[in-house]
């Protein structure tokens, strides 16, 4: 004798397309999120430059985080100042 579940199989048949649509939507959202331009925000490590951040600001952040020592910071500041265009 074959087991019959009382006719609730139609509910699963109606639910499965909705499940697939939701799954495909989630995949499309994830791909779109990952494909955003990388300079539109700082990277997850916090080391990428923010939009509009000047070289001096990047250098200041590196010095403040301890990534570079005071001598390197001073030398790089001098180099940046030497190559900065003069206002007219």
PDB file of N, CA and C in Angstrom:
ATOM      1  N   UNK A   1       0.828  -1.173   0.000  1.00  0.00           N
ATOM      2  CA  UNK A   1       0.000   0.000   0.000  1.00  0.00           C
ATOM      3  C   UNK A   1       0.888   1.258   0.000  1.00  0.00           C
ATOM      4  N   UNK A   2       0.536   2.200  -0.801  1.00  0.00           N
ATOM      5  CA  UNK A   2       1.305   3.420  -0.954  1.00  0.00           C
ATOM      6  C   UNK A   2       0.906   4.429   0.119  1.00  0.00           C
ATOM      7  N   UNK A   3       1.886   5.115   0.707  1.00  0.00           N
ATOM      8  CA  UNK A   3       1.623   6.114   1.730  1.00  0.00           C
ATOM      9  C   UNK A   3       1.194   7.409   1.071  1.00  0.00           C
ATOM     10  N   UNK A   4       0.146   8.001   1.556  1.00  0.00           N
ATOM     11  CA  UNK A   4      -0.348   9.270   1.045  1.00  0.00           C
ATOM     12  C   UNK A   4      -0.384  10.257   2.206  1.00  0.00           C
ATOM     13  N   UNK A   5       0.171  11.443   2.041  1.00  0.00           N
ATOM     14  CA  UNK A   5       0.295  12.375   3.161  1.00  0.00           C
ATOM     15  C   UNK A   5      -0.896  13.303   3.336  1.00  0.00           C
ATOM     16  N   UNK A   6      -1.968  13.021   2.743  1.00  0.00           N
ATOM     17  CA  UNK A   6      -3.164  13.826   2.933  1.00  0.00           C
ATOM     18  C   UNK A   6      -3.287  14.992   1.967  1.00  0.00           C
ATOM     19  N   UNK A   7      -2.492  15.027   0.905  1.00  0.00           N
ATOM     20  CA  UNK A   7      -2.639  16.051  -0.123  1.00  0.00           C
ATOM     21  C   UNK A   7      -1.861  17.329   0.129  1.00  0.00           C
ATOM     22  N   UNK A   8      -0.869  17.326   1.004  1.00  0.00           N
ATOM     23  CA  UNK A   8      -0.103  18.552   1.249  1.00  0.00           C
ATOM     24  C   UNK A   8       1.064  18.710   0.277  1.00  0.00           C
ATOM     25  N   UNK A   9       1.205  17.814  -0.672  1.00  0.00           N
ATOM     26  CA  UNK A   9       2.277  17.911  -1.655  1.00  0.00           C
ATOM     27  C   UNK A   9       2.157  19.140  -2.536  1.00  0.00           C
ATOM     28  N   UNK A  10       0.952  19.622  -2.745  1.00  0.00           N
ATOM     29  CA  UNK A  10       0.762  20.806  -3.591  1.00  0.00           C
ATOM     30  C   UNK A  10       1.390  22.039  -2.943  1.00  0.00           C
ATOM     31  N   UNK A  11       1.422  22.072  -1.607  1.00  0.00           N
ATOM     32  CA  UNK A  11       2.009  23.222  -0.925  1.00  0.00           C
ATOM     33  C   UNK A  11       3.514  23.302  -1.207  1.00  0.00           C
ATOM     34  N   UNK A  12       4.192  22.179  -1.198  1.00  0.00           N
ATOM     35  CA  UNK A  12       5.621  22.166  -1.509  1.00  0.00           C
ATOM     36  C   UNK A  12       5.865  22.555  -2.962  1.00  0.00           C
ATOM     37  N   UNK A  13       4.992  22.103  -3.858  1.00  0.00           N
ATOM     38  CA  UNK A  13       5.150  22.455  -5.276  1.00  0.00           C
ATOM     39  C   UNK A  13       4.967  23.954  -5.480  1.00  0.00           C
ATOM     40  N   UNK A  14       4.132  24.600  -4.693  1.00  0.00           N
ATOM     41  CA  UNK A  14       3.942  26.041  -4.798  1.00  0.00           C
ATOM     42  C   UNK A  14       5.096  26.793  -4.118  1.00  0.00           C
ATOM     43  N   UNK A  15       5.668  26.225  -3.072  1.00  0.00           N
ATOM     44  CA  UNK A  15       6.720  26.873  -2.294  1.00  0.00           C
ATOM     45  C   UNK A  15       8.078  26.817  -2.990  1.00  0.00           C
ATOM     46  N   UNK A  16       8.369  25.750  -3.695  1.00  0.00           N
ATOM     47  CA  UNK A  16       9.688  25.572  -4.308  1.00  0.00           C
ATOM     48  C   UNK A  16      10.066  26.673  -5.297  1.00  0.00           C
ATOM     49  N   UNK A  17       9.190  27.122  -6.189  1.00  0.00           N
ATOM     50  CA  UNK A  17       9.595  28.243  -7.068  1.00  0.00           C
ATOM     51  C   UNK A  17       9.932  29.513  -6.278  1.00  0.00           C
ATOM     52  N   UNK A  18       9.183  29.773  -5.215  1.00  0.00           N
ATOM     53  CA  UNK A  18       9.487  30.946  -4.390  1.00  0.00           C
ATOM     54  C   UNK A  18      10.855  30.816  -3.729  1.00  0.00           C
ATOM     55  N   UNK A  19      11.184  29.620  -3.303  1.00  0.00           N
ATOM     56  CA  UNK A  19      12.485  29.375  -2.704  1.00  0.00           C
ATOM     57  C   UNK A  19      13.602  29.612  -3.720  1.00  0.00           C
ATOM     58  N   UNK A  20      13.436  29.138  -4.945  1.00  0.00           N
ATOM     59  CA  UNK A  20      14.447  29.342  -5.982  1.00  0.00           C
ATOM     60  C   UNK A  20      14.592  30.823  -6.342  1.00  0.00           C
ATOM     61  N   UNK A  21      13.473  31.533  -6.415  1.00  0.00           N
ATOM     62  CA  UNK A  21      13.531  32.963  -6.728  1.00  0.00           C
ATOM     63  C   UNK A  21      14.296  33.709  -5.634  1.00  0.00           C
ATOM     64  N   UNK A  22      14.034  33.382  -4.379  1.00  0.00           N
ATOM     65  CA  UNK A  22      14.742  34.015  -3.270  1.00  0.00           C
ATOM     66  C   UNK A  22      16.231  33.676  -3.313  1.00  0.00           C
ATOM     67  N   UNK A  23      16.584  32.448  -3.614  1.00  0.00           N
ATOM     68  CA  UNK A  23      17.980  32.033  -3.675  1.00  0.00           C
ATOM     69  C   UNK A  23      18.724  32.745  -4.804  1.00  0.00           C
ATOM     70  N   UNK A  24      18.107  32.834  -5.957  1.00  0.00           N
ATOM     71  CA  UNK A  24      18.730  33.520  -7.099  1.00  0.00           C
ATOM     72  C   UNK A  24      18.878  35.018  -6.788  1.00  0.00           C
ATOM     73  N   UNK A  25      17.868  35.610  -6.154  1.00  0.00           N
ATOM     74  CA  UNK A  25      17.956  37.014  -5.760  1.00  0.00           C
ATOM     75  C   UNK A  25      19.098  37.260  -4.792  1.00  0.00           C
ATOM     76  N   UNK A  26      19.292  36.353  -3.859  1.00  0.00           N
ATOM     77  CA  UNK A  26      20.388  36.472  -2.895  1.00  0.00           C
ATOM     78  C   UNK A  26      21.748  36.401  -3.589  1.00  0.00           C
ATOM     79  N   UNK A  27      21.888  35.508  -4.544  1.00  0.00           N
ATOM     80  CA  UNK A  27      23.148  35.377  -5.288  1.00  0.00           C
ATOM     81  C   UNK A  27      23.415  36.644  -6.099  1.00  0.00           C
ATOM     82  N   UNK A  28      22.396  37.174  -6.765  1.00  0.00           N
ATOM     83  CA  UNK A  28      22.563  38.400  -7.559  1.00  0.00           C
ATOM     84  C   UNK A  28      22.955  39.563  -6.648  1.00  0.00           C
ATOM     85  N   UNK A  29      22.317  39.687  -5.488  1.00  0.00           N
ATOM     86  CA  UNK A  29      22.645  40.755  -4.546  1.00  0.00           C
ATOM     87  C   UNK A  29      24.096  40.629  -4.073  1.00  0.00           C
ATOM     88  N   UNK A  30      24.527  39.395  -3.752  1.00  0.00           N
ATOM     89  CA  UNK A  30      25.895  39.181  -3.259  1.00  0.00           C
ATOM     90  C   UNK A  30      26.928  39.534  -4.328  1.00  0.00           C
ATOM     91  N   UNK A  31      26.681  39.138  -5.571  1.00  0.00           N
ATOM     92  CA  UNK A  31      27.620  39.450  -6.654  1.00  0.00           C
ATOM     93  C   UNK A  31      27.683  40.957  -6.878  1.00  0.00           C
ATOM     94  N   UNK A  32      26.538  41.621  -6.867  1.00  0.00           N
ATOM     95  CA  UNK A  32      26.518  43.075  -7.057  1.00  0.00           C
ATOM     96  C   UNK A  32      27.248  43.778  -5.916  1.00  0.00           C
ATOM     97  N   UNK A  33      27.089  43.302  -4.718  1.00  0.00           N
ATOM     98  CA  UNK A  33      27.750  43.897  -3.546  1.00  0.00           C
ATOM     99  C   UNK A  33      29.271  43.740  -3.635  1.00  0.00           C
ATOM    100  N   UNK A  34      29.724  42.564  -4.074  1.00  0.00           N
ATOM    101  CA  UNK A  34      31.159  42.310  -4.173  1.00  0.00           C
ATOM    102  C   UNK A  34      31.799  43.012  -5.358  1.00  0.00           C
ATOM    103  N   UNK A  35      31.002  43.347  -6.359  1.00  0.00           N
ATOM    104  CA  UNK A  35      31.544  43.950  -7.577  1.00  0.00           C
ATOM    105  C   UNK A  35      31.615  45.470  -7.511  1.00  0.00           C
ATOM    106  N   UNK A  36      31.275  46.071  -6.367  1.00  0.00           N
ATOM    107  CA  UNK A  36      31.350  47.520  -6.241  1.00  0.00           C
ATOM    108  C   UNK A  36      32.786  47.978  -6.438  1.00  0.00           C
ATOM    109  N   UNK A  37      32.932  49.196  -6.922  1.00  0.00           N
ATOM    110  CA  UNK A  37      34.257  49.767  -7.158  1.00  0.00           C
ATOM    111  C   UNK A  37      35.022  49.808  -5.835  1.00  0.00           C
ATOM    112  N   UNK A  38      36.239  49.264  -5.787  1.00  0.00           N
ATOM    113  CA  UNK A  38      36.964  49.180  -4.518  1.00  0.00           C
ATOM    114  C   UNK A  38      37.358  50.518  -3.917  1.00  0.00           C
ATOM    115  N   UNK A  39      37.429  51.590  -4.699  1.00  0.00           N
ATOM    116  CA  UNK A  39      37.810  52.879  -4.120  1.00  0.00           C
ATOM    117  C   UNK A  39      36.608  53.657  -3.614  1.00  0.00           C
ATOM    118  N   UNK A  40      35.414  53.057  -3.700  1.00  0.00           N
ATOM    119  CA  UNK A  40      34.240  53.772  -3.222  1.00  0.00           C
ATOM    120  C   UNK A  40      34.171  53.790  -1.706  1.00  0.00           C
ATOM    121  N   UNK A  41      34.962  52.999  -1.024  1.00  0.00           N
ATOM    122  CA  UNK A  41      35.013  52.985   0.435  1.00  0.00           C
ATOM    123  C   UNK A  41      36.348  52.404   0.862  1.00  0.00           C
ATOM    124  N   UNK A  42      36.695  52.580   2.135  1.00  0.00           N
ATOM    125  CA  UNK A  42      37.921  51.971   2.652  1.00  0.00           C
ATOM    126  C   UNK A  42      37.780  50.467   2.610  1.00  0.00           C
ATOM    127  N   UNK A  43      38.904  49.785   2.418  1.00  0.00           N
ATOM    128  CA  UNK A  43      38.856  48.332   2.447  1.00  0.00           C
ATOM    129  C   UNK A  43      38.667  47.850   3.883  1.00  0.00           C
ATOM    130  N   UNK A  44      38.412  46.555   4.047  1.00  0.00           N
ATOM    131  CA  UNK A  44      38.100  45.999   5.361  1.00  0.00           C
ATOM    132  C   UNK A  44      39.258  46.119   6.343  1.00  0.00           C
ATOM    133  N   UNK A  45      40.481  46.266   5.856  1.00  0.00           N
ATOM    134  CA  UNK A  45      41.618  46.384   6.760  1.00  0.00           C
ATOM    135  C   UNK A  45      41.767  47.807   7.275  1.00  0.00           C
ATOM    136  N   UNK A  46      41.068  48.758   6.657  1.00  0.00           N
ATOM    137  CA  UNK A  46      41.193  50.153   7.060  1.00  0.00           C
ATOM    138  C   UNK A  46      42.444  50.809   6.513  1.00  0.00           C
ATOM    139  N   UNK A  47      43.194  50.118   5.653  1.00  0.00           N
ATOM    140  CA  UNK A  47      44.451  50.665   5.145  1.00  0.00           C
ATOM    141  C   UNK A  47      44.290  51.356   3.811  1.00  0.00           C
ATOM    142  N   UNK A  48      43.203  51.095   3.110  1.00  0.00           N
ATOM    143  CA  UNK A  48      43.001  51.731   1.819  1.00  0.00           C
ATOM    144  C   UNK A  48      42.640  53.194   1.998  1.00  0.00           C
ATOM    145  N   UNK A  49      43.046  54.047   1.066  1.00  0.00           N
ATOM    146  CA  UNK A  49      42.745  55.474   1.220  1.00  0.00           C
ATOM    147  C   UNK A  49      41.256  55.749   1.026  1.00  0.00           C
ATOM    148  N   UNK A  50      40.741  56.673   1.784  1.00  0.00           N
ATOM    149  CA  UNK A  50      39.358  57.098   1.623  1.00  0.00           C
ATOM    150  C   UNK A  50      39.298  58.022   0.408  1.00  0.00           C
ATOM    151  N   UNK A  51      38.152  58.134  -0.214  1.00  0.00           N
ATOM    152  CA  UNK A  51      38.034  59.030  -1.366  1.00  0.00           C
ATOM    153  C   UNK A  51      38.375  60.467  -0.975  1.00  0.00           C
ATOM    154  N   UNK A  52      39.202  61.117  -1.769  1.00  0.00           N
ATOM    155  CA  UNK A  52      39.575  62.503  -1.521  1.00  0.00           C
ATOM    156  C   UNK A  52      40.636  62.690  -0.464  1.00  0.00           C
ATOM    157  N   UNK A  53      41.206  61.618   0.048  1.00  0.00           N
ATOM    158  CA  UNK A  53      42.238  61.729   1.077  1.00  0.00           C
ATOM    159  C   UNK A  53      43.556  62.126   0.411  1.00  0.00           C
ATOM    160  N   UNK A  54      44.213  63.136   0.964  1.00  0.00           N
ATOM    161  CA  UNK A  54      45.468  63.620   0.392  1.00  0.00           C
ATOM    162  C   UNK A  54      46.619  62.691   0.786  1.00  0.00           C
ATOM    163  N   UNK A  55      47.728  62.749   0.057  1.00  0.00           N
ATOM    164  CA  UNK A  55      48.895  61.939   0.430  1.00  0.00           C
ATOM    165  C   UNK A  55      49.384  62.248   1.847  1.00  0.00           C
ATOM    166  N   UNK A  56      49.286  63.514   2.234  1.00  0.00           N
ATOM    167  CA  UNK A  56      49.708  63.883   3.588  1.00  0.00           C
ATOM    168  C   UNK A  56      48.823  63.209   4.645  1.00  0.00           C
ATOM    169  N   UNK A  57      47.530  63.139   4.380  1.00  0.00           N
ATOM    170  CA  UNK A  57      46.610  62.484   5.318  1.00  0.00           C
ATOM    171  C   UNK A  57      46.887  60.985   5.417  1.00  0.00           C
ATOM    172  N   UNK A  58      47.190  60.367   4.282  1.00  0.00           N
ATOM    173  CA  UNK A  58      47.540  58.951   4.293  1.00  0.00           C
ATOM    174  C   UNK A  58      48.800  58.735   5.123  1.00  0.00           C
ATOM    175  N   UNK A  59      49.781  59.601   4.925  1.00  0.00           N
ATOM    176  CA  UNK A  59      51.029  59.519   5.687  1.00  0.00           C
ATOM    177  C   UNK A  59      50.775  59.719   7.179  1.00  0.00           C
ATOM    178  N   UNK A  60      49.922  60.690   7.516  1.00  0.00           N
ATOM    179  CA  UNK A  60      49.575  60.929   8.923  1.00  0.00           C
ATOM    180  C   UNK A  60      48.941  59.693   9.558  1.00  0.00           C
ATOM    181  N   UNK A  61      48.042  59.045   8.828  1.00  0.00           N
ATOM    182  CA  UNK A  61      47.388  57.835   9.342  1.00  0.00           C
ATOM    183  C   UNK A  61      48.401  56.708   9.554  1.00  0.00           C
ATOM    184  N   UNK A  62      49.316  56.567   8.611  1.00  0.00           N
ATOM    185  CA  UNK A  62      50.331  55.508   8.745  1.00  0.00           C
ATOM    186  C   UNK A  62      51.228  55.759   9.955  1.00  0.00           C
ATOM    187  N   UNK A  63      51.599  57.021  10.175  1.00  0.00           N
ATOM    188  CA  UNK A  63      52.429  57.367  11.324  1.00  0.00           C
ATOM    189  C   UNK A  63      51.656  57.160  12.632  1.00  0.00           C
ATOM    190  N   UNK A  64      50.406  57.591  12.650  1.00  0.00           N
ATOM    191  CA  UNK A  64      49.591  57.459  13.861  1.00  0.00           C
ATOM    192  C   UNK A  64      49.340  56.001  14.233  1.00  0.00           C
ATOM    193  N   UNK A  65      49.274  55.130  13.242  1.00  0.00           N
ATOM    194  CA  UNK A  65      49.026  53.709  13.531  1.00  0.00           C
ATOM    195  C   UNK A  65      50.300  52.959  13.902  1.00  0.00           C
ATOM    196  N   UNK A  66      51.465  53.645  13.811  1.00  0.00           N
ATOM    197  CA  UNK A  66      52.729  53.001  14.157  1.00  0.00           C
ATOM    198  C   UNK A  66      53.335  52.210  13.016  1.00  0.00           C
ATOM    199  N   UNK A  67      52.802  52.384  11.837  1.00  0.00           N
ATOM    200  CA  UNK A  67      53.300  51.650  10.666  1.00  0.00           C
ATOM    201  C   UNK A  67      54.682  52.157  10.228  1.00  0.00           C
ATOM    202  N   UNK A  68      54.946  53.442  10.446  1.00  0.00           N
ATOM    203  CA  UNK A  68      56.253  54.014  10.096  1.00  0.00           C
ATOM    204  C   UNK A  68      56.818  54.748  11.311  1.00  0.00           C
ATOM    205  N   UNK A  69      58.138  54.856  11.362  1.00  0.00           N
ATOM    206  CA  UNK A  69      58.806  55.499  12.493  1.00  0.00           C
ATOM    207  C   UNK A  69      58.912  57.012  12.250  1.00  0.00           C
ATOM    208  N   UNK A  70      59.237  57.792  13.285  1.00  0.00           N
ATOM    209  CA  UNK A  70      59.291  59.268  13.144  1.00  0.00           C
ATOM    210  C   UNK A  70      60.266  59.757  12.080  1.00  0.00           C
ATOM    211  N   UNK A  71      61.418  59.094  11.945  1.00  0.00           N
ATOM    212  CA  UNK A  71      62.395  59.539  10.940  1.00  0.00           C
ATOM    213  C   UNK A  71      61.842  59.352   9.526  1.00  0.00           C
ATOM    214  N   UNK A  72      61.234  58.206   9.280  1.00  0.00           N
ATOM    215  CA  UNK A  72      60.638  57.948   7.960  1.00  0.00           C
ATOM    216  C   UNK A  72      59.514  58.932   7.694  1.00  0.00           C
ATOM    217  N   UNK A  73      58.708  59.193   8.714  1.00  0.00           N
ATOM    218  CA  UNK A  73      57.596  60.144   8.572  1.00  0.00           C
ATOM    219  C   UNK A  73      58.125  61.526   8.172  1.00  0.00           C
ATOM    220  N   UNK A  74      59.161  62.015   8.884  1.00  0.00           N
ATOM    221  CA  UNK A  74      59.707  63.340   8.589  1.00  0.00           C
ATOM    222  C   UNK A  74      60.279  63.397   7.176  1.00  0.00           C
ATOM    223  N   UNK A  75      60.994  62.352   6.769  1.00  0.00           N
ATOM    224  CA  UNK A  75      61.582  62.324   5.431  1.00  0.00           C
ATOM    225  C   UNK A  75      60.493  62.304   4.353  1.00  0.00           C
ATOM    226  N   UNK A  76      59.473  61.517   4.560  1.00  0.00           N
ATOM    227  CA  UNK A  76      58.393  61.448   3.564  1.00  0.00           C
ATOM    228  C   UNK A  76      57.621  62.762   3.493  1.00  0.00           C
ATOM    229  N   UNK A  77      57.442  63.420   4.630  1.00  0.00           N
ATOM    230  CA  UNK A  77      56.778  64.722   4.648  1.00  0.00           C
ATOM    231  C   UNK A  77      57.579  65.744   3.837  1.00  0.00           C
ATOM    232  N   UNK A  78      58.914  65.713   3.988  1.00  0.00           N
ATOM    233  CA  UNK A  78      59.781  66.620   3.211  1.00  0.00           C
ATOM    234  C   UNK A  78      59.647  66.357   1.719  1.00  0.00           C
ATOM    235  N   UNK A  79      59.651  65.074   1.348  1.00  0.00           N
ATOM    236  CA  UNK A  79      59.533  64.713  -0.065  1.00  0.00           C
ATOM    237  C   UNK A  79      58.186  65.147  -0.634  1.00  0.00           C
ATOM    238  N   UNK A  80      57.130  64.948   0.123  1.00  0.00           N
ATOM    239  CA  UNK A  80      55.810  65.377  -0.352  1.00  0.00           C
ATOM    240  C   UNK A  80      55.760  66.893  -0.507  1.00  0.00           C
ATOM    241  N   UNK A  81      56.336  67.627   0.446  1.00  0.00           N
ATOM    242  CA  UNK A  81      56.336  69.088   0.372  1.00  0.00           C
ATOM    243  C   UNK A  81      57.146  69.578  -0.824  1.00  0.00           C
ATOM    244  N   UNK A  82      58.232  68.885  -1.141  1.00  0.00           N
ATOM    245  CA  UNK A  82      59.082  69.291  -2.273  1.00  0.00           C
ATOM    246  C   UNK A  82      58.390  69.074  -3.608  1.00  0.00           C
ATOM    247  N   UNK A  83      57.525  68.107  -3.673  1.00  0.00           N
ATOM    248  CA  UNK A  83      56.870  67.791  -4.940  1.00  0.00           C
ATOM    249  C   UNK A  83      55.439  68.304  -5.032  1.00  0.00           C
ATOM    250  N   UNK A  84      54.996  69.023  -4.034  1.00  0.00           N
ATOM    251  CA  UNK A  84      53.641  69.591  -4.039  1.00  0.00           C
ATOM    252  C   UNK A  84      53.622  70.783  -4.958  1.00  0.00           C
ATOM    253  N   UNK A  85      52.635  70.882  -5.861  1.00  0.00           N
ATOM    254  CA  UNK A  85      52.567  72.054  -6.746  1.00  0.00           C
ATOM    255  C   UNK A  85      52.338  73.333  -5.921  1.00  0.00           C
ATOM    256  N   UNK A  86      53.021  74.386  -6.335  1.00  0.00           N
ATOM    257  CA  UNK A  86      52.896  75.674  -5.644  1.00  0.00           C
ATOM    258  C   UNK A  86      51.634  76.397  -6.118  1.00  0.00           C
ATOM    259  N   UNK A  87      50.888  77.000  -5.193  1.00  0.00           N
ATOM    260  CA  UNK A  87      49.715  77.789  -5.632  1.00  0.00           C
ATOM    261  C   UNK A  87      50.157  79.038  -6.370  1.00  0.00           C
ATOM    262  N   UNK A  88      49.363  79.478  -7.332  1.00  0.00           N
ATOM    263  CA  UNK A  88      49.730  80.652  -8.152  1.00  0.00           C
ATOM    264  C   UNK A  88      49.162  81.903  -7.624  1.00  0.00           C
TER     265      UNK A  88
END
